[in-house]
Every structure is written in structure tokens, then in C-alpha cells.
């Protein structure tokens, strides 16, 4: 009887090669990437994709908030300076080659059969796909909450890693470009629950990759200081409080983990107290 894992591995390899061709063929001369081993092609694809996503999401969101809707969402004195945004871009670009390693290693471990991922929704069916994805997201929410919280609570981790990000602690120093402005190891640690979850629950690998790269868009959004008021989303209003108090709102996509573990602080309640 044929081992289904063998078929899965071939699908994963074919998918990786397809994504590498799609991204790299249109952006780089083939002489630069075709001779590379597949692992390094994948890293290059993730690096190029990450840089593009960072700049596209950052520039579009900054243009919308700071120019198109100038003085609509934020007062003039809350808009960060170009110098502040350029410094954030510099920090993020130094870290980006290292960030790109995490999805590359995850992809390699999946190809060799170490994770529980499956390559096609047909492998499990839609009901199981949605169920596994829900469990995966709970694991990610839980993992990122505690990873982020420990980066604050363990003093050496904060001093040598997370403090790099927390120099942006006021509205006029926070911008969409601050979303990936971390020490490289800090950024990897906070994204690590995405990869750890692959070893715990079967999840569609393309969904995993998509969610990992959506992080770049999400982190741009939660650093714009605009409170979206969409329960139970952990939007920028909550995250701005995190940057000013350092002790609240460690969560990721939702407020549930902060609510469960007693660290939630609601921006609307803060506004009510200030009035």
C-alpha cells in the first residue's frame, strides 16, 4: 500500500517550485535564482515577497491615513514625521532577511514530512479544513499572546530584544511602518507560534503561508493609532494602549486572550475616563 505521506511531499515540492517561479521570474533575472538550491530559492521568494508586502501595505495605508484623510482620523500633531517612518523602515529592512527564514524553514520541514500539514483541501474535506483552521488560529492566538507577554515580563528579553520596538511609544512616533520594526529575533519569536502549530494540528499549508504573510498587513494596520471599534478585533486602538502602558493588550488578532488572562484595557473606557 502506498504511503500517502509520499504523495503529500511531492505536492509540497511542486507547490514550492510553482510559488518560486511565480514570484522570482517576474522580479529577478533567472541567472540570479535558477542555479540556487530550492531552499535558497524559497528564502529569496519569501524575502522579496515580504519586502514588497511591507512597502505596499505601509505606503498605501500611510497615504490613506496621513494624506488622503489628513486630519480626519488623526490630528496633525499625531502624524509621525518622515524621519520617524524612515527609521522604522531601516529597522524592518535589517530584520527582513532573518524574518524570511521562518517560513522557509517551515516549508522545508513540511516538504520532508515533519509537520502535520496537508497540501490540498480535498485531502481532508471542507468541514475538517475549517475545523483544523479554527484550532490552528486558537493556538496562534494563545502562543503569540504569551510570547509577547514574556518578551515584556522577562527583563533580559525586553532589554535586548523587544525594547527595539517600544521606542515607538506615542501616537506621533507610531506608523504602519513600525509594524515590522523589531529586533530580528523578536520578530521571529512572535511569529513562531504559526510554525509551532504546524506540528500540533493538521492545517492546509497554503493557508498557513497566507496567514503568516498577512501578518505584514495586519501589523501595519494596528500601528496606525486609529481605533476601528470592531469587536472582538484587537485593533490599533488597543495596540496603541499597549505601546503607552507596556502592560496591557498583548494579543494578536482578537482581545480574547487578554480578556481571559486579565490584561485587557479598552480604549473606549479610557476615552470615557478622560472626558
Protein backbone atom coordinates (compact mmCIF):
# COMPACT_ATOMS: atom_id res chain seq x y z
CA UNK A 1 0.00 0.00 0.00
CA UNK A 2 1.40 3.39 -0.98
CA UNK A 3 2.21 5.77 1.86
CA UNK A 4 0.03 8.89 1.39
CA UNK A 5 2.76 11.00 3.01
CA UNK A 6 4.92 10.39 -0.06
CA UNK A 7 2.24 11.92 -2.28
CA UNK A 8 1.91 14.86 0.11
CA UNK A 9 5.63 15.55 -0.10
CA UNK A 10 5.53 15.67 -3.89
CA UNK A 11 2.62 18.09 -3.79
CA UNK A 12 4.52 20.32 -1.34
CA UNK A 13 7.62 20.31 -3.56
CA UNK A 14 5.55 21.14 -6.66
CA UNK A 15 3.80 23.97 -4.80
CA UNK A 16 7.09 25.41 -3.58
CA UNK A 17 8.60 25.36 -7.06
CA UNK A 18 5.47 26.95 -8.51
CA UNK A 19 5.47 29.82 -5.99
CA UNK A 20 9.20 30.36 -6.52
CA UNK A 21 8.71 30.63 -10.29
CA UNK A 22 5.69 32.95 -9.97
CA UNK A 23 7.46 35.44 -7.68
CA UNK A 24 11.06 35.27 -8.86
CA UNK A 25 10.58 35.02 -12.63
CA UNK A 26 8.75 38.35 -12.78
CA UNK A 27 11.03 40.21 -10.39
CA UNK A 28 14.57 38.94 -10.87
CA UNK A 29 16.78 37.73 -13.74
CA UNK A 30 16.72 33.94 -13.90
CA UNK A 31 20.51 33.86 -13.79
CA UNK A 32 20.30 35.10 -10.17
CA UNK A 33 17.97 32.48 -8.75
CA UNK A 34 17.68 29.40 -11.02
CA UNK A 35 21.13 27.99 -10.06
CA UNK A 36 20.29 28.21 -6.34
CA UNK A 37 19.17 25.15 -4.35
CA UNK A 38 15.40 25.11 -3.76
CA UNK A 39 15.81 26.09 -0.07
CA UNK A 40 17.59 29.31 -1.04
CA UNK A 41 15.13 29.97 -3.87
CA UNK A 42 12.34 29.71 -1.31
CA UNK A 43 14.14 32.05 1.09
CA UNK A 44 14.65 34.56 -1.72
CA UNK A 45 10.99 34.32 -2.70
CA UNK A 46 9.90 34.89 0.90
CA UNK A 47 12.31 37.80 1.26
CA UNK A 48 11.18 39.50 -1.94
CA UNK A 49 7.52 38.85 -1.12
CA UNK A 50 7.93 40.15 2.42
CA UNK A 51 9.66 43.35 1.29
CA UNK A 52 7.00 44.03 -1.35
CA UNK A 53 4.15 43.39 1.06
CA UNK A 54 5.74 45.59 3.73
CA UNK A 55 6.23 48.56 1.42
CA UNK A 56 2.96 48.24 -0.50
CA UNK A 57 0.82 47.92 2.63
CA UNK A 58 2.83 50.57 4.51
CA UNK A 59 2.81 53.16 1.73
CA UNK A 60 -0.84 52.66 0.79
CA UNK A 61 -2.04 52.82 4.39
CA UNK A 62 0.16 55.81 5.20
CA UNK A 63 -1.05 57.64 2.10
CA UNK A 64 -4.68 56.95 3.00
CA UNK A 65 -4.39 57.95 6.66
CA UNK A 66 -1.84 60.78 6.57
CA UNK A 67 -2.60 62.45 3.21
CA UNK A 68 -5.91 61.42 1.66
CA UNK A 69 -7.77 61.51 5.02
CA UNK A 70 -5.45 64.03 6.62
CA UNK A 71 -6.94 65.44 9.87
CA UNK A 72 -9.94 63.10 9.54
CA UNK A 73 -8.66 60.18 11.60
CA UNK A 74 -5.73 61.81 13.39
CA UNK A 75 -4.94 65.36 14.49
CA UNK A 76 -1.97 66.97 12.79
CA UNK A 77 0.28 66.63 15.84
CA UNK A 78 -0.31 62.85 15.92
CA UNK A 79 1.06 62.26 12.41
CA UNK A 80 4.59 60.79 12.56
CA UNK A 81 7.42 62.60 10.83
CA UNK A 82 9.05 61.26 7.69
CA UNK A 83 12.24 60.82 9.68
CA UNK A 84 10.44 58.57 12.20
CA UNK A 85 8.98 56.45 9.40
CA UNK A 86 12.36 56.17 7.63
CA UNK A 87 13.97 54.97 10.87
CA UNK A 88 11.24 52.32 11.22
CA UNK A 89 11.81 51.22 7.63
CA UNK A 90 15.54 50.91 8.29
CA UNK A 91 14.97 48.68 11.34
CA UNK A 92 12.48 46.50 9.43
CA UNK A 93 14.78 46.12 6.41
CA UNK A 94 17.67 44.99 8.60
CA UNK A 95 15.42 42.31 10.08
CA UNK A 96 13.66 41.20 6.88
CA UNK A 97 16.31 38.69 5.70
CA UNK A 98 16.01 36.94 9.07
CA UNK A 99 12.21 37.10 9.16
CA UNK A 100 12.20 35.30 5.80
CA UNK A 101 13.98 32.31 7.31
CA UNK A 102 10.99 31.24 9.42
CA UNK A 103 8.56 30.43 6.58
CA UNK A 104 11.46 28.97 4.58
CA UNK A 105 12.37 26.52 7.34
CA UNK A 106 8.68 25.72 7.93
CA UNK A 107 8.29 24.95 4.23
CA UNK A 108 11.36 22.71 4.21
CA UNK A 109 10.21 20.78 7.30
CA UNK A 110 6.81 20.34 5.69
CA UNK A 111 8.37 19.05 2.46
CA UNK A 112 10.31 16.37 4.34
CA UNK A 113 7.20 15.28 6.23
CA UNK A 114 7.92 16.58 9.72
CA UNK A 115 4.74 18.65 10.12
CA UNK A 116 1.07 17.65 10.10
CA UNK A 117 0.23 19.89 7.14
CA UNK A 118 -1.75 18.73 4.14
CA UNK A 119 -1.36 20.21 0.63
CA UNK A 120 -4.93 20.10 -0.73
CA UNK A 121 -8.31 20.76 0.87
CA UNK A 122 -9.55 17.58 -0.83
CA UNK A 123 -7.17 15.61 1.42
CA UNK A 124 -9.46 16.24 4.42
CA UNK A 125 -12.66 17.90 3.11
CA UNK A 126 -14.09 21.34 3.80
CA UNK A 127 -15.55 20.61 7.23
CA UNK A 128 -12.26 19.29 8.60
CA UNK A 129 -10.36 22.08 6.84
CA UNK A 130 -12.41 24.77 8.63
CA UNK A 131 -12.22 22.92 11.95
CA UNK A 132 -8.45 22.49 11.78
CA UNK A 133 -8.01 26.12 10.75
CA UNK A 134 -10.05 27.27 13.74
CA UNK A 135 -7.89 25.19 16.11
CA UNK A 136 -4.76 26.50 14.40
CA UNK A 137 -5.89 30.10 14.94
CA UNK A 138 -6.59 29.46 18.63
CA UNK A 139 -3.08 28.02 19.04
CA UNK A 140 -1.60 31.03 17.23
CA UNK A 141 -3.59 33.50 19.35
CA UNK A 142 -2.56 31.75 22.57
CA UNK A 143 1.08 31.38 21.51
CA UNK A 144 1.55 34.96 20.31
CA UNK A 145 -0.14 36.37 23.42
CA UNK A 146 2.22 34.52 25.77
CA UNK A 147 5.30 35.05 23.62
CA UNK A 148 4.59 38.79 23.52
CA UNK A 149 3.83 38.93 27.22
CA UNK A 150 7.04 37.10 28.16
CA UNK A 151 9.04 39.47 25.95
CA UNK A 152 7.85 42.13 28.40
CA UNK A 153 7.96 40.16 31.65
CA UNK A 154 11.41 38.57 31.21
CA UNK A 155 13.63 41.61 31.64
CA UNK A 156 16.64 40.50 29.53
CA UNK A 157 14.29 39.64 26.63
CA UNK A 158 12.74 43.07 26.86
CA UNK A 159 16.04 44.91 27.25
CA UNK A 160 17.92 43.20 24.43
CA UNK A 161 15.06 42.34 22.04
CA UNK A 162 11.65 43.92 22.50
CA UNK A 163 12.81 47.39 23.58
CA UNK A 164 13.86 47.99 19.96
CA UNK A 165 10.19 48.08 19.03
CA UNK A 166 8.98 50.02 22.06
CA UNK A 167 10.94 53.17 21.32
CA UNK A 168 7.75 53.90 19.33
CA UNK A 169 5.54 54.75 22.30
CA UNK A 170 3.48 57.79 21.27
CA UNK A 171 0.97 58.48 18.54
CA UNK A 172 3.38 60.71 16.66
CA UNK A 173 6.05 58.00 16.63
CA UNK A 174 3.78 55.11 15.61
CA UNK A 175 3.09 54.45 11.93
CA UNK A 176 2.23 51.49 9.67
CA UNK A 177 5.98 51.08 9.07
CA UNK A 178 6.52 50.35 12.77
CA UNK A 179 4.64 47.07 12.32
CA UNK A 180 7.77 45.10 11.43
CA UNK A 181 10.35 47.32 13.11
CA UNK A 182 11.65 44.71 15.55
CA UNK A 183 14.92 43.17 16.53
CA UNK A 184 15.11 40.18 14.11
CA UNK A 185 14.92 37.57 16.86
CA UNK A 186 11.98 39.37 18.47
CA UNK A 187 10.02 39.32 15.20
CA UNK A 188 10.79 35.63 14.67
CA UNK A 189 9.77 34.70 18.22
CA UNK A 190 6.41 36.45 17.87
CA UNK A 191 5.70 34.69 14.58
CA UNK A 192 6.98 31.32 15.85
CA UNK A 193 3.53 30.10 17.10
CA UNK A 194 2.44 29.97 13.44
CA UNK A 195 5.16 27.39 12.76
CA UNK A 196 4.80 25.50 16.05
CA UNK A 197 1.10 25.00 15.30
CA UNK A 198 2.06 23.02 12.17
CA UNK A 199 3.38 20.25 14.45
CA UNK A 200 0.23 20.20 16.60
CA UNK A 201 -2.74 20.35 14.22
CA UNK A 202 -3.18 19.38 10.56
CA UNK A 203 -3.58 22.60 8.60
CA UNK A 204 -3.67 23.46 4.93
CA UNK A 205 -0.12 24.65 4.24
CA UNK A 206 -1.16 27.35 1.78
CA UNK A 207 -3.48 28.78 4.45
CA UNK A 208 -0.55 28.77 6.89
CA UNK A 209 1.68 30.66 4.44
CA UNK A 210 -1.07 33.16 3.62
CA UNK A 211 -1.75 33.87 7.30
CA UNK A 212 1.95 34.28 8.01
CA UNK A 213 2.31 36.90 5.27
CA UNK A 214 -0.96 38.59 6.24
CA UNK A 215 0.93 39.45 9.43
CA UNK A 216 2.72 42.18 7.48
CA UNK A 217 -0.59 43.79 6.55
CA UNK A 218 -2.10 43.30 9.99
CA UNK A 219 0.86 44.79 11.85
CA UNK A 220 0.78 47.82 9.55
CA UNK A 221 -2.88 48.32 10.44
CA UNK A 222 -2.54 48.06 14.24
CA UNK A 223 0.22 50.67 14.36
CA UNK A 224 -1.77 53.49 12.74
CA UNK A 225 -3.36 54.58 16.08
CA UNK A 226 -6.91 54.54 14.64
CA UNK A 227 -9.44 52.69 16.77
CA UNK A 228 -11.66 50.68 14.42
CA UNK A 229 -14.19 49.65 17.09
CA UNK A 230 -14.87 46.20 15.64
CA UNK A 231 -15.38 43.72 18.47
CA UNK A 232 -13.57 41.37 19.19
CA UNK A 233 -10.73 42.56 16.94
CA UNK A 234 -7.52 43.69 18.64
CA UNK A 235 -7.24 46.81 16.50
CA UNK A 236 -4.97 49.83 16.62
CA UNK A 237 -6.88 51.45 19.49
CA UNK A 238 -5.98 48.54 21.76
CA UNK A 239 -2.45 48.26 20.44
CA UNK A 240 -1.74 51.97 20.92
CA UNK A 241 -2.58 51.46 24.62
CA UNK A 242 -0.06 48.62 24.65
CA UNK A 243 2.63 50.98 23.36
CA UNK A 244 1.84 53.59 26.02
CA UNK A 245 1.29 51.39 29.12
CA UNK A 246 3.50 48.37 28.24
CA UNK A 247 1.30 46.17 30.47
CA UNK A 248 -1.92 45.68 28.50
CA UNK A 249 -3.28 44.28 25.24
CA UNK A 250 -0.60 41.75 24.30
CA UNK A 251 -3.00 39.91 21.99
CA UNK A 252 -2.84 39.42 18.27
CA UNK A 253 -5.98 39.37 16.10
CA UNK A 254 -8.52 39.35 18.94
CA UNK A 255 -8.96 40.60 22.50
CA UNK A 256 -9.91 37.18 23.88
CA UNK A 257 -6.55 36.16 25.36
CA UNK A 258 -6.16 39.49 27.14
CA UNK A 259 -9.71 39.15 28.45
CA UNK A 260 -9.02 35.60 29.68
CA UNK A 261 -5.72 36.46 31.37
CA UNK A 262 -6.66 39.84 32.84
CA UNK A 263 -4.56 42.20 30.73
CA UNK A 264 -7.27 43.79 28.58
CA UNK A 265 -7.66 47.55 28.58
CA UNK A 266 -10.44 49.02 26.43
CA UNK A 267 -9.68 52.26 24.54
CA UNK A 268 -13.32 53.35 24.75
CA UNK A 269 -13.27 53.05 28.54
CA UNK A 270 -10.07 55.11 28.55
CA UNK A 271 -11.77 57.78 26.47
CA UNK A 272 -14.73 57.81 28.88
CA UNK A 273 -12.46 58.30 31.90
CA UNK A 274 -10.60 61.13 30.14
CA UNK A 275 -13.82 63.07 29.47
